[in-house]
C-alpha atoms as a PDB file:
ATOM      1  CA  MET A   1       8.350 221.632  -6.021  1.00  0.00           C
ATOM      2  CA  GLU A   2       5.492 224.117  -5.638  1.00  0.00           C
ATOM      3  CA  PRO A   3       2.041 223.028  -4.418  1.00  0.00           C
ATOM      4  CA  LYS A   4      -0.548 222.944  -7.181  1.00  0.00           C
ATOM      5  CA  ASP A   5      -3.435 223.705  -4.863  1.00  0.00           C
ATOM      6  CA  LYS A   6      -2.602 225.747  -1.785  1.00  0.00           C
ATOM      7  CA  ASN A   7      -6.129 225.240  -0.426  1.00  0.00           C
ATOM      8  CA  LYS A   8      -5.774 221.449  -0.353  1.00  0.00           C
ATOM      9  CA  GLN A   9      -4.701 220.139   3.054  1.00  0.00           C
ATOM     10  CA  PRO A  10      -2.969 216.808   3.768  1.00  0.00           C
ATOM     11  CA  SER A  11      -5.229 214.171   5.295  1.00  0.00           C
ATOM     12  CA  ILE A  12      -4.473 212.121   8.403  1.00  0.00           C
ATOM     13  CA  ARG A  13      -4.546 208.981   6.261  1.00  0.00           C
ATOM     14  CA  GLN A  14      -1.926 210.403   3.884  1.00  0.00           C
ATOM     15  CA  LEU A  15       0.311 211.272   6.832  1.00  0.00           C
ATOM     16  CA  GLU A  16      -0.085 207.717   8.142  1.00  0.00           C
ATOM     17  CA  TYR A  17       0.946 206.427   4.707  1.00  0.00           C
ATOM     18  CA  PHE A  18       4.023 208.668   4.780  1.00  0.00           C
ATOM     19  CA  VAL A  19       5.140 207.324   8.191  1.00  0.00           C
ATOM     20  CA  ASN A  20       4.584 203.710   7.151  1.00  0.00           C
ATOM     21  CA  ILE A  21       6.690 204.068   4.021  1.00  0.00           C
ATOM     22  CA  ALA A  22       9.419 205.844   6.016  1.00  0.00           C
ATOM     23  CA  MET A  23       9.471 202.947   8.505  1.00  0.00           C
ATOM     24  CA  SER A  24       9.471 200.269   5.775  1.00  0.00           C
ATOM     25  CA  SER A  25      11.798 202.041   3.317  1.00  0.00           C
ATOM     26  CA  ASN A  26       9.756 200.299   0.638  1.00  0.00           C
ATOM     27  CA  PHE A  27       6.452 201.172  -1.074  1.00  0.00           C
ATOM     28  CA  ARG A  28       5.525 197.532  -1.695  1.00  0.00           C
ATOM     29  CA  LYS A  29       6.064 196.438   1.911  1.00  0.00           C
ATOM     30  CA  ALA A  30       4.212 199.487   3.221  1.00  0.00           C
ATOM     31  CA  ALA A  31       1.269 198.805   0.901  1.00  0.00           C
ATOM     32  CA  GLN A  32       1.071 195.193   2.121  1.00  0.00           C
ATOM     33  CA  LYS A  33       1.140 196.317   5.744  1.00  0.00           C
ATOM     34  CA  LEU A  34      -1.554 198.920   5.085  1.00  0.00           C
ATOM     35  CA  ASN A  35      -3.606 196.404   3.067  1.00  0.00           C
ATOM     36  CA  ILE A  36      -3.899 198.684   0.027  1.00  0.00           C
ATOM     37  CA  SER A  37      -2.525 198.423  -3.515  1.00  0.00           C
ATOM     38  CA  GLN A  38       0.865 199.877  -4.325  1.00  0.00           C
ATOM     39  CA  PRO A  39      -0.552 202.167  -7.079  1.00  0.00           C
ATOM     40  CA  THR A  40      -3.046 203.582  -4.573  1.00  0.00           C
ATOM     41  CA  LEU A  41      -0.249 204.237  -2.049  1.00  0.00           C
ATOM     42  CA  THR A  42       1.930 205.857  -4.712  1.00  0.00           C
ATOM     43  CA  SER A  43      -0.958 208.068  -5.792  1.00  0.00           C
ATOM     44  CA  GLN A  44      -1.718 209.163  -2.221  1.00  0.00           C
ATOM     45  CA  ILE A  45       1.917 210.067  -1.552  1.00  0.00           C
ATOM     46  CA  ALA A  46       2.024 212.061  -4.808  1.00  0.00           C
ATOM     47  CA  THR A  47      -1.074 213.955  -3.652  1.00  0.00           C
ATOM     48  CA  LEU A  48       0.547 214.581  -0.256  1.00  0.00           C
ATOM     49  CA  GLU A  49       3.748 215.859  -1.855  1.00  0.00           C
ATOM     50  CA  ASP A  50       1.675 218.102  -4.110  1.00  0.00           C
ATOM     51  CA  ALA A  51      -0.193 219.543  -1.107  1.00  0.00           C
ATOM     52  CA  LEU A  52       2.998 220.121   0.887  1.00  0.00           C
ATOM     53  CA  GLY A  53       5.062 221.347  -2.022  1.00  0.00           C
ATOM     54  CA  VAL A  54       8.033 219.103  -1.175  1.00  0.00           C
ATOM     55  CA  LYS A  55       9.467 215.787  -2.332  1.00  0.00           C
ATOM     56  CA  LEU A  56       9.268 213.289   0.535  1.00  0.00           C
ATOM     57  CA  PHE A  57      11.113 210.275  -0.850  1.00  0.00           C
ATOM     58  CA  GLU A  58      14.032 209.442  -3.110  1.00  0.00           C
ATOM     59  CA  ARG A  59      14.252 206.070  -4.872  1.00  0.00           C
ATOM     60  CA  SER A  60      17.617 204.325  -5.151  1.00  0.00           C
ATOM     61  CA  ARG A  61      19.031 200.827  -5.514  1.00  0.00           C
ATOM     62  CA  ALA A  62      19.099 200.664  -1.713  1.00  0.00           C
ATOM     63  CA  GLY A  63      15.339 201.180  -1.591  1.00  0.00           C
ATOM     64  CA  THR A  64      13.057 204.095  -0.849  1.00  0.00           C
ATOM     65  CA  LEU A  65      14.881 206.748   1.153  1.00  0.00           C
ATOM     66  CA  LEU A  66      13.585 209.860   2.848  1.00  0.00           C
ATOM     67  CA  SER A  67      14.487 213.115   1.138  1.00  0.00           C
ATOM     68  CA  PRO A  68      16.052 215.872   3.308  1.00  0.00           C
ATOM     69  CA  ALA A  69      12.593 217.446   3.626  1.00  0.00           C
ATOM     70  CA  GLY A  70      11.086 214.059   4.480  1.00  0.00           C
ATOM     71  CA  ARG A  71      13.661 213.478   7.260  1.00  0.00           C
ATOM     72  CA  GLU A  72      12.830 216.866   8.739  1.00  0.00           C
ATOM     73  CA  LEU A  73       9.074 216.299   8.586  1.00  0.00           C
ATOM     74  CA  LEU A  74       8.993 212.711   9.900  1.00  0.00           C
ATOM     75  CA  PRO A  75       9.308 213.392  13.683  1.00  0.00           C
ATOM     76  CA  VAL A  76       6.794 216.235  13.429  1.00  0.00           C
ATOM     77  CA  VAL A  77       4.271 214.053  11.571  1.00  0.00           C
ATOM     78  CA  ARG A  78       4.708 211.174  14.039  1.00  0.00           C
ATOM     79  CA  GLN A  79       4.063 213.525  16.957  1.00  0.00           C
ATOM     80  CA  LEU A  80       1.011 214.947  15.173  1.00  0.00           C
ATOM     81  CA  LEU A  81      -0.418 211.451  14.623  1.00  0.00           C
ATOM     82  CA  GLU A  82       0.138 210.543  18.283  1.00  0.00           C
ATOM     83  CA  GLN A  83      -1.674 213.701  19.398  1.00  0.00           C
ATOM     84  CA  PHE A  84      -4.510 212.982  16.971  1.00  0.00           C
ATOM     85  CA  GLN A  85      -4.867 209.487  18.461  1.00  0.00           C
ATOM     86  CA  GLN A  86      -4.984 211.011  21.944  1.00  0.00           C
ATOM     87  CA  VAL A  87      -7.912 213.180  20.837  1.00  0.00           C
ATOM     88  CA  ILE A  88      -9.747 210.105  19.531  1.00  0.00           C
ATOM     89  CA  ASP A  89      -8.997 208.081  22.673  1.00  0.00           C
ATOM     90  CA  LEU A  90     -10.033 210.876  25.020  1.00  0.00           C
ATOM     91  CA  ALA A  91     -13.265 211.511  23.113  1.00  0.00           C
ATOM     92  CA  ASP A  92     -13.995 207.784  23.192  1.00  0.00           C
ATOM     93  CA  SER A  93     -13.358 207.533  26.927  1.00  0.00           C
ATOM     94  CA  SER A  94     -15.549 210.554  27.693  1.00  0.00           C
ATOM     95  CA  ASN A  95     -18.543 208.629  26.387  1.00  0.00           C
ATOM     96  CA  LYS A  96     -17.921 205.671  28.677  1.00  0.00           C
ATOM     97  CA  GLU A  97     -18.042 205.192  32.415  1.00  0.00           C
ATOM     98  CA  LEU A  98     -14.610 204.266  33.710  1.00  0.00           C
ATOM     99  CA  SER A  99     -14.597 200.661  34.827  1.00  0.00           C
ATOM    100  CA  GLY A 100     -12.272 197.704  35.236  1.00  0.00           C
ATOM    101  CA  THR A 101      -9.623 196.437  37.627  1.00  0.00           C
ATOM    102  CA  PHE A 102      -6.092 197.817  37.382  1.00  0.00           C
ATOM    103  CA  LYS A 103      -2.799 197.558  39.259  1.00  0.00           C
ATOM    104  CA  ILE A 104      -1.460 200.948  40.330  1.00  0.00           C
ATOM    105  CA  GLY A 105       2.064 201.644  41.626  1.00  0.00           C
ATOM    106  CA  VAL A 106       2.795 204.695  43.789  1.00  0.00           C
ATOM    107  CA  SER A 107       5.835 206.075  45.569  1.00  0.00           C
ATOM    108  CA  PRO A 108       5.828 205.658  49.376  1.00  0.00           C
ATOM    109  CA  THR A 109       6.832 209.307  49.745  1.00  0.00           C
ATOM    110  CA  ILE A 110       3.513 210.452  48.267  1.00  0.00           C
ATOM    111  CA  GLY A 111       1.049 207.558  48.312  1.00  0.00           C
ATOM    112  CA  PRO A 112      -0.113 207.845  51.939  1.00  0.00           C
ATOM    113  CA  TYR A 113      -0.303 211.652  51.842  1.00  0.00           C
ATOM    114  CA  LEU A 114      -2.057 212.208  48.523  1.00  0.00           C
ATOM    115  CA  PHE A 115      -3.321 209.080  46.823  1.00  0.00           C
ATOM    116  CA  SER A 116      -5.427 207.893  49.766  1.00  0.00           C
ATOM    117  CA  LYS A 117      -7.550 211.040  49.448  1.00  0.00           C
ATOM    118  CA  VAL A 118      -7.556 210.870  45.652  1.00  0.00           C
ATOM    119  CA  LEU A 119      -8.756 207.237  45.732  1.00  0.00           C
ATOM    120  CA  ILE A 120     -11.796 208.154  47.792  1.00  0.00           C
ATOM    121  CA  GLU A 121     -12.874 210.777  45.268  1.00  0.00           C
ATOM    122  CA  LEU A 122     -12.109 208.549  42.274  1.00  0.00           C
ATOM    123  CA  HIS A 123     -14.304 205.826  43.772  1.00  0.00           C
ATOM    124  CA  LYS A 124     -17.144 208.313  44.225  1.00  0.00           C
ATOM    125  CA  ARG A 125     -16.896 209.355  40.581  1.00  0.00           C
ATOM    126  CA  TYR A 126     -16.350 205.873  39.126  1.00  0.00           C
ATOM    127  CA  PRO A 127     -17.734 203.152  41.432  1.00  0.00           C
ATOM    128  CA  ALA A 128     -17.098 200.474  38.780  1.00  0.00           C
ATOM    129  CA  LEU A 129     -13.364 201.308  38.719  1.00  0.00           C
ATOM    130  CA  GLN A 130     -11.196 199.150  40.995  1.00  0.00           C
ATOM    131  CA  LEU A 131      -7.591 200.185  41.601  1.00  0.00           C
ATOM    132  CA  HIS A 132      -5.249 197.846  43.447  1.00  0.00           C
ATOM    133  CA  VAL A 133      -2.497 200.054  44.851  1.00  0.00           C
ATOM    134  CA  ARG A 134       1.019 198.948  45.805  1.00  0.00           C
ATOM    135  CA  GLU A 135       3.939 201.101  46.912  1.00  0.00           C
ATOM    136  CA  GLY A 136       7.419 200.934  45.399  1.00  0.00           C
ATOM    137  CA  VAL A 137      10.502 203.083  44.970  1.00  0.00           C
ATOM    138  CA  PRO A 138      10.774 204.858  41.582  1.00  0.00           C
ATOM    139  CA  GLN A 139      13.127 202.366  39.906  1.00  0.00           C
ATOM    140  CA  GLU A 140      10.925 199.442  40.983  1.00  0.00           C
ATOM    141  CA  LEU A 141       7.833 201.253  39.696  1.00  0.00           C
ATOM    142  CA  GLU A 142       9.365 201.829  36.254  1.00  0.00           C
ATOM    143  CA  GLU A 143      10.639 198.271  36.000  1.00  0.00           C
ATOM    144  CA  GLY A 144       7.276 196.936  37.167  1.00  0.00           C
ATOM    145  CA  LEU A 145       5.449 198.999  34.565  1.00  0.00           C
ATOM    146  CA  ASP A 146       7.724 197.682  31.802  1.00  0.00           C
ATOM    147  CA  LYS A 147       7.208 194.075  32.948  1.00  0.00           C
ATOM    148  CA  GLY A 148       3.444 194.404  33.338  1.00  0.00           C
ATOM    149  CA  ASP A 149       3.413 194.217  37.148  1.00  0.00           C
ATOM    150  CA  TYR A 150       1.647 197.597  37.080  1.00  0.00           C
ATOM    151  CA  ASP A 151      -0.824 199.043  34.596  1.00  0.00           C
ATOM    152  CA  PHE A 152      -0.306 202.648  35.701  1.00  0.00           C
ATOM    153  CA  ILE A 153       2.160 204.340  38.063  1.00  0.00           C
ATOM    154  CA  LEU A 154       2.492 207.618  39.920  1.00  0.00           C
ATOM    155  CA  THR A 155       6.136 208.579  40.280  1.00  0.00           C
ATOM    156  CA  MET A 156       8.563 211.488  39.968  1.00  0.00           C
ATOM    157  CA  LEU A 157      10.819 212.891  37.284  1.00  0.00           C
ATOM    158  CA  PRO A 158      13.281 211.960  35.985  1.00  0.00           C
ATOM    159  CA  MET A 159      12.050 208.762  34.364  1.00  0.00           C
ATOM    160  CA  HIS A 160      14.440 206.608  32.368  1.00  0.00           C
ATOM    161  CA  SER A 161      12.262 204.633  29.936  1.00  0.00           C
ATOM    162  CA  SER A 162      11.242 206.161  26.607  1.00  0.00           C
ATOM    163  CA  GLU A 163       8.718 203.380  25.974  1.00  0.00           C
ATOM    164  CA  ASN A 164       6.059 204.783  28.300  1.00  0.00           C
ATOM    165  CA  ARG A 165       3.667 207.691  28.137  1.00  0.00           C
ATOM    166  CA  VAL A 166       4.597 210.232  30.803  1.00  0.00           C
ATOM    167  CA  ARG A 167       2.131 212.949  31.815  1.00  0.00           C
ATOM    168  CA  PRO A 168       3.231 215.616  34.334  1.00  0.00           C
ATOM    169  CA  LEU A 169       0.646 216.272  37.040  1.00  0.00           C
ATOM    170  CA  PHE A 170       1.899 218.841  39.547  1.00  0.00           C
ATOM    171  CA  ILE A 171       4.963 220.267  41.284  1.00  0.00           C
ATOM    172  CA  GLU A 172       5.443 219.681  45.013  1.00  0.00           C
ATOM    173  CA  PRO A 173       7.651 222.026  47.082  1.00  0.00           C
ATOM    174  CA  ILE A 174      10.342 220.630  49.366  1.00  0.00           C
ATOM    175  CA  SER A 175      11.117 222.376  52.668  1.00  0.00           C
ATOM    176  CA  ILE A 176      13.856 222.147  55.289  1.00  0.00           C
ATOM    177  CA  VAL A 177      12.764 220.727  58.652  1.00  0.00           C
ATOM    178  CA  LEU A 178      14.822 220.849  61.825  1.00  0.00           C
ATOM    179  CA  SER A 179      14.455 220.387  65.551  1.00  0.00           C
ATOM    180  CA  HIS A 180      13.654 223.458  67.640  1.00  0.00           C
ATOM    181  CA  ASP A 181      16.877 222.635  69.493  1.00  0.00           C
ATOM    182  CA  HIS A 182      18.971 222.914  66.323  1.00  0.00           C
ATOM    183  CA  PRO A 183      21.344 225.921  66.081  1.00  0.00           C
ATOM    184  CA  LEU A 184      19.656 227.068  62.859  1.00  0.00           C
ATOM    185  CA  ALA A 185      16.204 227.049  64.472  1.00  0.00           C
ATOM    186  CA  GLY A 186      16.668 230.640  65.609  1.00  0.00           C
ATOM    187  CA  LYS A 187      16.682 231.849  62.017  1.00  0.00           C
ATOM    188  CA  GLU A 188      13.501 232.879  60.234  1.00  0.00           C
ATOM    189  CA  ILE A 189      15.090 232.683  56.794  1.00  0.00           C
ATOM    190  CA  LEU A 190      17.687 230.206  55.553  1.00  0.00           C
ATOM    191  CA  GLU A 191      20.158 230.799  52.747  1.00  0.00           C
ATOM    192  CA  GLY A 192      22.212 228.223  50.904  1.00  0.00           C
ATOM    193  CA  LYS A 193      25.351 229.300  52.753  1.00  0.00           C
ATOM    194  CA  ASP A 194      23.677 228.320  56.065  1.00  0.00           C
ATOM    195  CA  LEU A 195      23.865 224.683  54.955  1.00  0.00           C
ATOM    196  CA  TYR A 196      27.662 224.724  55.011  1.00  0.00           C
ATOM    197  CA  ASN A 197      28.975 221.759  57.044  1.00  0.00           C
ATOM    198  CA  GLN A 198      25.472 220.804  58.223  1.00  0.00           C
ATOM    199  CA  GLU A 199      24.489 217.167  58.787  1.00  0.00           C
ATOM    200  CA  VAL A 200      21.623 216.405  56.401  1.00  0.00           C
ATOM    201  CA  LEU A 201      19.456 213.319  56.954  1.00  0.00           C
ATOM    202  CA  THR A 202      18.199 211.642  53.782  1.00  0.00           C
ATOM    203  CA  MET A 203      16.080 208.835  52.430  1.00  0.00           C
ATOM    204  CA  ASP A 204      18.015 205.808  51.199  1.00  0.00           C
ATOM    205  CA  GLU A 205      19.557 205.977  47.742  1.00  0.00           C
ATOM    206  CA  ARG A 206      16.723 204.083  46.009  1.00  0.00           C
ATOM    207  CA  HIS A 207      14.559 207.215  46.291  1.00  0.00           C
ATOM    208  CA  HIS A 208      14.683 210.166  43.895  1.00  0.00           C
ATOM    209  CA  LEU A 209      14.559 212.405  46.969  1.00  0.00           C
ATOM    210  CA  HIS A 210      17.934 211.048  48.105  1.00  0.00           C
ATOM    211  CA  ARG A 211      19.637 211.864  44.801  1.00  0.00           C
ATOM    212  CA  GLN A 212      18.062 215.300  44.688  1.00  0.00           C
ATOM    213  CA  ILE A 213      19.180 216.199  48.215  1.00  0.00           C
ATOM    214  CA  ALA A 214      22.648 214.657  47.759  1.00  0.00           C
ATOM    215  CA  THR A 215      23.194 216.978  44.781  1.00  0.00           C
ATOM    216  CA  LEU A 216      22.010 219.937  46.847  1.00  0.00           C
ATOM    217  CA  CYS A 217      24.370 219.017  49.709  1.00  0.00           C
ATOM    218  CA  GLU A 218      27.292 218.805  47.324  1.00  0.00           C
ATOM    219  CA  ARG A 219      26.515 222.254  45.968  1.00  0.00           C
ATOM    220  CA  TYR A 220      26.341 223.851  49.424  1.00  0.00           C
ATOM    221  CA  THR A 221      29.080 221.715  51.041  1.00  0.00           C
ATOM    222  CA  ALA A 222      26.731 220.012  53.501  1.00  0.00           C
ATOM    223  CA  HIS A 223      27.087 216.383  54.636  1.00  0.00           C
ATOM    224  CA  ALA A 224      24.441 214.002  53.280  1.00  0.00           C
ATOM    225  CA  GLN A 225      24.290 211.229  55.866  1.00  0.00           C
ATOM    226  CA  GLN A 226      24.705 207.805  54.279  1.00  0.00           C
ATOM    227  CA  LYS A 227      25.083 205.817  57.493  1.00  0.00           C
ATOM    228  CA  PHE A 228      21.668 206.813  58.842  1.00  0.00           C
ATOM    229  CA  ALA A 229      19.725 206.936  55.562  1.00  0.00           C
ATOM    230  CA  SER A 230      16.050 206.202  56.155  1.00  0.00           C
ATOM    231  CA  ASN A 231      13.520 204.186  54.171  1.00  0.00           C
ATOM    232  CA  SER A 232      10.518 206.240  55.337  1.00  0.00           C
ATOM    233  CA  LEU A 233       9.613 209.861  55.921  1.00  0.00           C
ATOM    234  CA  ASN A 234       8.220 209.029  59.374  1.00  0.00           C
ATOM    235  CA  THR A 235      11.588 207.612  60.467  1.00  0.00           C
ATOM    236  CA  LEU A 236      13.301 210.682  59.043  1.00  0.00           C
ATOM    237  CA  LYS A 237      10.961 212.855  61.091  1.00  0.00           C
ATOM    238  CA  GLN A 238      11.871 211.043  64.330  1.00  0.00           C
ATOM    239  CA  MET A 239      15.573 211.492  63.587  1.00  0.00           C
ATOM    240  CA  VAL A 240      14.985 215.238  63.128  1.00  0.00           C
ATOM    241  CA  ILE A 241      13.112 215.397  66.440  1.00  0.00           C
ATOM    242  CA  MET A 242      16.146 213.746  68.111  1.00  0.00           C
ATOM    243  CA  ASN A 243      18.261 216.544  66.587  1.00  0.00           C
ATOM    244  CA  MET A 244      20.442 214.152  64.594  1.00  0.00           C
ATOM    245  CA  GLY A 245      20.484 216.623  61.695  1.00  0.00           C
ATOM    246  CA  ILE A 246      18.258 218.605  59.355  1.00  0.00           C
ATOM    247  CA  ALA A 247      16.165 217.079  56.572  1.00  0.00           C
ATOM    248  CA  PHE A 248      14.411 218.081  53.362  1.00  0.00           C
ATOM    249  CA  MET A 249      10.758 217.018  53.372  1.00  0.00           C
ATOM    250  CA  PRO A 250       8.079 217.042  50.609  1.00  0.00           C
ATOM    251  CA  GLY A 251       5.320 219.608  51.056  1.00  0.00           C
ATOM    252  CA  LEU A 252       2.451 217.101  51.283  1.00  0.00           C
ATOM    253  CA  TYR A 253       4.186 215.230  54.104  1.00  0.00           C
ATOM    254  CA  VAL A 254       4.947 218.499  55.893  1.00  0.00           C
ATOM    255  CA  HIS A 255       1.268 219.426  55.615  1.00  0.00           C
ATOM    256  CA  ALA A 256       0.068 216.038  56.868  1.00  0.00           C
ATOM    257  CA  SER A 257       2.573 215.207  59.609  1.00  0.00           C
ATOM    258  CA  ILE A 258       4.803 218.130  60.558  1.00  0.00           C
ATOM    259  CA  SER A 259       3.050 221.495  60.282  1.00  0.00           C
ATOM    260  CA  GLU A 260       1.288 221.058  63.643  1.00  0.00           C
ATOM    261  CA  ASP A 261       4.250 219.449  65.454  1.00  0.00           C
ATOM    262  CA  ASP A 262       5.767 222.065  67.772  1.00  0.00           C
ATOM    263  CA  ARG A 263       8.973 220.024  68.117  1.00  0.00           C
ATOM    264  CA  ILE A 264       9.920 220.761  64.505  1.00  0.00           C
ATOM    265  CA  LYS A 265      10.482 223.999  62.623  1.00  0.00           C
ATOM    266  CA  VAL A 266       9.852 224.283  58.864  1.00  0.00           C
ATOM    267  CA  LEU A 267      11.883 226.689  56.734  1.00  0.00           C
ATOM    268  CA  ASP A 268      12.535 227.319  53.034  1.00  0.00           C
ATOM    269  CA  LEU A 269      15.725 228.393  51.324  1.00  0.00           C
ATOM    270  CA  GLN A 270      15.511 232.047  50.354  1.00  0.00           C
ATOM    271  CA  ASP A 271      17.884 231.780  47.391  1.00  0.00           C
ATOM    272  CA  GLU A 272      16.702 228.502  45.848  1.00  0.00           C
ATOM    273  CA  LYS A 273      13.290 226.981  45.230  1.00  0.00           C
ATOM    274  CA  ILE A 274      13.419 223.230  45.805  1.00  0.00           C
ATOM    275  CA  ASN A 275      10.669 221.026  44.396  1.00  0.00           C
ATOM    276  CA  ARG A 276       9.893 217.794  42.573  1.00  0.00           C
ATOM    277  CA  THR A 277       7.577 217.022  39.656  1.00  0.00           C
ATOM    278  CA  HIS A 278       5.048 214.204  39.957  1.00  0.00           C
ATOM    279  CA  VAL A 279       3.925 212.318  36.855  1.00  0.00           C
ATOM    280  CA  ALA A 280       1.520 209.596  35.784  1.00  0.00           C
ATOM    281  CA  SER A 281       2.876 206.963  33.417  1.00  0.00           C
ATOM    282  CA  TRP A 282       1.547 203.990  31.449  1.00  0.00           C
ATOM    283  CA  ARG A 283       2.679 201.879  28.498  1.00  0.00           C
ATOM    284  CA  LYS A 284       2.179 203.676  25.186  1.00  0.00           C
ATOM    285  CA  ASN A 285       0.428 200.726  23.563  1.00  0.00           C
ATOM    286  CA  ALA A 286      -1.603 199.608  26.579  1.00  0.00           C
ATOM    287  CA  PRO A 287      -5.134 198.513  25.532  1.00  0.00           C
ATOM    288  CA  SER A 288      -6.595 200.807  28.225  1.00  0.00           C
ATOM    289  CA  ARG A 289      -4.349 203.777  27.461  1.00  0.00           C
ATOM    290  CA  HIS A 290      -7.337 206.054  26.767  1.00  0.00           C
ATOM    291  CA  LEU A 291      -8.700 205.190  30.222  1.00  0.00           C
ATOM    292  CA  PHE A 292      -5.329 205.907  31.871  1.00  0.00           C
ATOM    293  CA  GLN A 293      -5.267 209.258  30.106  1.00  0.00           C
ATOM    294  CA  LYS A 294      -8.654 210.067  31.642  1.00  0.00           C
ATOM    295  CA  ILE A 295      -7.576 208.833  35.094  1.00  0.00           C
ATOM    296  CA  SER A 296      -4.489 211.054  34.950  1.00  0.00           C
ATOM    297  CA  TYR A 297      -6.675 214.099  34.243  1.00  0.00           C
ATOM    298  CA  ASP A 298      -8.900 213.232  37.193  1.00  0.00           C
ATOM    299  CA  ILE A 299      -5.995 212.629  39.573  1.00  0.00           C
ATOM    300  CA  LYS A 300      -4.516 215.989  38.667  1.00  0.00           C
ATOM    301  CA  ALA A 301      -7.847 217.804  39.045  1.00  0.00           C
ATOM    302  CA  ILE A 302      -8.668 216.147  42.383  1.00  0.00           C
ATOM    303  CA  ALA A 303      -5.181 216.794  43.783  1.00  0.00           C
ATOM    304  CA  MET A 304      -5.304 220.459  42.817  1.00  0.00           C
ATOM    305  CA  ASP A 305      -8.793 220.800  44.345  1.00  0.00           C
ATOM    306  CA  ILE A 306      -7.643 219.330  47.669  1.00  0.00           C
ATOM    307  CA  PHE A 307      -4.060 220.602  47.841  1.00  0.00           C
ATOM    308  CA  GLY A 308      -4.095 223.638  45.584  1.00  0.00           C
ATOM    309  CA  ASP A 309      -2.506 225.753  48.328  1.00  0.00           C
ATOM    310  CA  ILE A 310       0.511 223.406  48.408  1.00  0.00           C
ATOM    311  CA  LEU A 311       0.945 222.062  44.880  1.00  0.00           C
ATOM    312  CA  GLU A 312       1.736 223.961  41.692  1.00  0.00           C
ATOM    313  CA  GLU A 313      -0.084 222.893  38.550  1.00  0.00           C
ATOM    314  CA  VAL A 314       1.907 221.680  35.543  1.00  0.00           C
ATOM    315  CA  ASN A 315       0.488 222.775  32.194  1.00  0.00           C
ATOM    316  CA  THR A 316       2.770 220.666  29.974  1.00  0.00           C
ATOM    317  CA  GLU A 317       0.882 217.672  28.533  1.00  0.00           C
ATOM    318  CA  ASP A 318       3.713 215.177  28.033  1.00  0.00           C
ATOM    319  CA  VAL A 319       7.451 214.820  28.497  1.00  0.00           C
END
């Protein structure tokens, strides 16, 4: 099927009609849902097919089925419509002062070292915006977001729910910290092979950081301590000072609490870059989703302004 008019472009409305029919598998049901007549819907789809030069649907006794071309185009069109809605939401939010009261969930391994500073700047920019912040481990944050306990969360990848909007913010490096009395403290550069048979202190298994470091220990045949797993970075730091083992610490915590401590040495692996990706997330259909989109932009911008020498910017919009 060749397009009759190559200069005629599909409209957003026609693409919305296409998705609705694909979801309903029935022109009549789609027309009722869209509150238009079936002849009008049929005409609009014919115009869309003419513009694209492909047949989108096949009629059968089983109903209205997507053609092979329609099946291929559907995920692309749905993504395009979502991005178009983001443009509308963002434009709408830019004309309004951010305001309202929202429940925010943050990870305890970043909240005290980043979000406290970000909150101060957000309040300066948007005095009518009130954010009630509560800490939780990543799994609790995701579950709380799904249940409505939180409106917006700051957490780390990977996330497990596909029902939420996830926007990457920045990448945080992770360094090795050890007591100055540790045998490896005499080295200026560490390689993966230096971790062989080392005792590695970790956060408890509810934290992403634990799983990340446990995988690293397995790769380099180090011992991830389960018996002495900690529930806070400060406790982990004290265990390092007592020379109970080495630990992997996030860059923002190292900057805030370790870099000036002469009892601890900070090193990086020469042959592997270790980091974690922080994201903002909110429910896709949240009434204030356009506002959360704007807040995520501001959090990223403020964090990079304050900690640009530590964090690496992420340019991907969504995952």
